[in-house]
């Protein structure tokens, strides 16, 4: 599904690539001896990695919501009140079953 200026899958791949680079740098900085560690850098890398993870999660949720919304819109364009009610109203369903049984005799 391509909406707007960029394909969500492409943006997701870029986000994951950035996240991979940040985590590699974080692990590299964290492997140093305690007296050599730059804790400000480690904190900034972890914050940036968390931000990228949130971006990716938000993108996935938005993409899934857009897909679901498009499927609902497709149904709503062709549906009439009776067909919509058939799927939800047990009284109408029972009436339809009764009519079909009577016609079947």
Protein backbone atom coordinates (compact mmCIF):
# COMPACT_ATOMS: atom_id res chain seq x y z
CA UNK A 1 0.00 0.00 0.00
CA UNK A 2 1.61 3.24 -1.14
CA UNK A 3 0.16 6.44 0.26
CA UNK A 4 1.82 9.81 0.04
CA UNK A 5 5.40 10.43 -0.91
CA UNK A 6 7.06 7.29 0.52
CA UNK A 7 6.22 3.63 0.78
CA UNK A 8 5.84 2.67 4.49
CA UNK A 9 7.89 -0.49 3.98
CA UNK A 10 10.78 1.57 2.58
CA UNK A 11 10.62 4.02 5.47
CA UNK A 12 10.51 1.08 7.89
CA UNK A 13 13.65 -0.40 6.34
CA UNK A 14 15.46 2.92 6.70
CA UNK A 15 14.34 3.25 10.31
CA UNK A 16 15.56 -0.27 11.11
CA UNK A 17 18.87 0.48 9.38
CA UNK A 18 19.36 3.59 11.52
CA UNK A 19 18.42 1.61 14.62
CA UNK A 20 20.99 -1.08 13.76
CA UNK A 21 23.74 1.53 13.40
CA UNK A 22 22.81 3.18 16.69
CA UNK A 23 22.79 -0.12 18.58
CA UNK A 24 26.19 -1.10 17.13
CA UNK A 25 27.66 2.21 18.25
CA UNK A 26 26.02 1.82 21.67
CA UNK A 27 27.51 -1.65 22.16
CA UNK A 28 30.91 -0.47 20.93
CA UNK A 29 30.90 2.43 23.43
CA UNK A 30 29.60 0.20 26.21
CA UNK A 31 32.35 -2.46 25.77
CA UNK A 32 35.08 -0.03 26.79
CA UNK A 33 36.52 -0.16 30.28
CA UNK A 34 34.59 1.78 32.91
CA UNK A 35 37.18 4.54 33.15
CA UNK A 36 37.17 5.01 29.34
CA UNK A 37 33.40 5.06 28.83
CA UNK A 38 31.75 8.24 27.63
CA UNK A 39 28.49 8.04 29.53
CA UNK A 40 27.04 11.09 27.79
CA UNK A 41 27.53 9.37 24.43
CA UNK A 42 26.05 6.12 25.73
CA UNK A 43 22.97 7.94 27.03
CA UNK A 44 22.52 9.88 23.78
CA UNK A 45 22.84 6.69 21.72
CA UNK A 46 20.29 4.88 23.86
CA UNK A 47 17.89 7.83 23.59
CA UNK A 48 18.30 7.95 19.82
CA UNK A 49 17.76 4.19 19.56
CA UNK A 50 14.60 4.47 21.67
CA UNK A 51 13.35 7.29 19.48
CA UNK A 52 13.94 5.25 16.31
CA UNK A 53 12.11 2.30 17.85
CA UNK A 54 9.14 4.53 18.66
CA UNK A 55 9.12 5.89 15.10
CA UNK A 56 9.10 2.37 13.70
CA UNK A 57 6.31 1.28 16.04
CA UNK A 58 4.22 4.32 15.15
CA UNK A 59 4.77 3.72 11.46
CA UNK A 60 3.65 0.10 11.74
CA UNK A 61 0.54 1.04 13.71
CA UNK A 62 -0.37 3.80 11.26
CA UNK A 63 0.16 1.51 8.28
CA UNK A 64 -2.03 -1.22 9.80
CA UNK A 65 -4.73 1.30 10.71
CA UNK A 66 -4.72 2.70 7.16
CA UNK A 67 -5.11 -0.81 5.70
CA UNK A 68 -8.03 -1.56 8.02
CA UNK A 69 -9.67 1.78 7.26
CA UNK A 70 -9.39 1.22 3.51
CA UNK A 71 -11.05 -2.19 3.82
CA UNK A 72 -13.90 -0.67 5.83
CA UNK A 73 -14.31 2.13 3.30
CA UNK A 74 -14.48 -0.44 0.50
CA UNK A 75 -17.29 -2.29 2.28
CA UNK A 76 -19.14 0.94 3.09
CA UNK A 77 -19.11 2.09 -0.54
CA UNK A 78 -21.08 -0.94 -1.72
CA UNK A 79 -23.12 -1.77 1.38
CA UNK A 80 -26.70 -0.85 2.06
CA UNK A 81 -28.29 -0.70 5.53
CA UNK A 82 -29.80 -4.16 5.22
CA UNK A 83 -26.55 -5.92 4.43
CA UNK A 84 -24.77 -4.04 7.20
CA UNK A 85 -27.48 -4.96 9.69
CA UNK A 86 -27.40 -8.62 8.66
CA UNK A 87 -23.94 -9.01 10.05
CA UNK A 88 -24.78 -7.36 13.37
CA UNK A 89 -28.46 -7.76 14.24
CA UNK A 90 -29.52 -11.20 15.50
CA UNK A 91 -33.24 -10.41 14.96
CA UNK A 92 -32.73 -9.73 11.28
CA UNK A 93 -30.58 -12.82 10.97
CA UNK A 94 -33.31 -14.93 12.58
CA UNK A 95 -35.95 -13.42 10.28
CA UNK A 96 -33.83 -14.16 7.22
CA UNK A 97 -33.30 -17.75 8.36
CA UNK A 98 -37.05 -18.15 8.93
CA UNK A 99 -37.81 -16.74 5.47
CA UNK A 100 -35.30 -19.06 3.83
CA UNK A 101 -36.75 -22.06 5.67
CA UNK A 102 -40.27 -21.15 4.59
CA UNK A 103 -39.20 -20.68 0.97
CA UNK A 104 -37.30 -23.94 1.05
CA UNK A 105 -40.42 -26.00 1.93
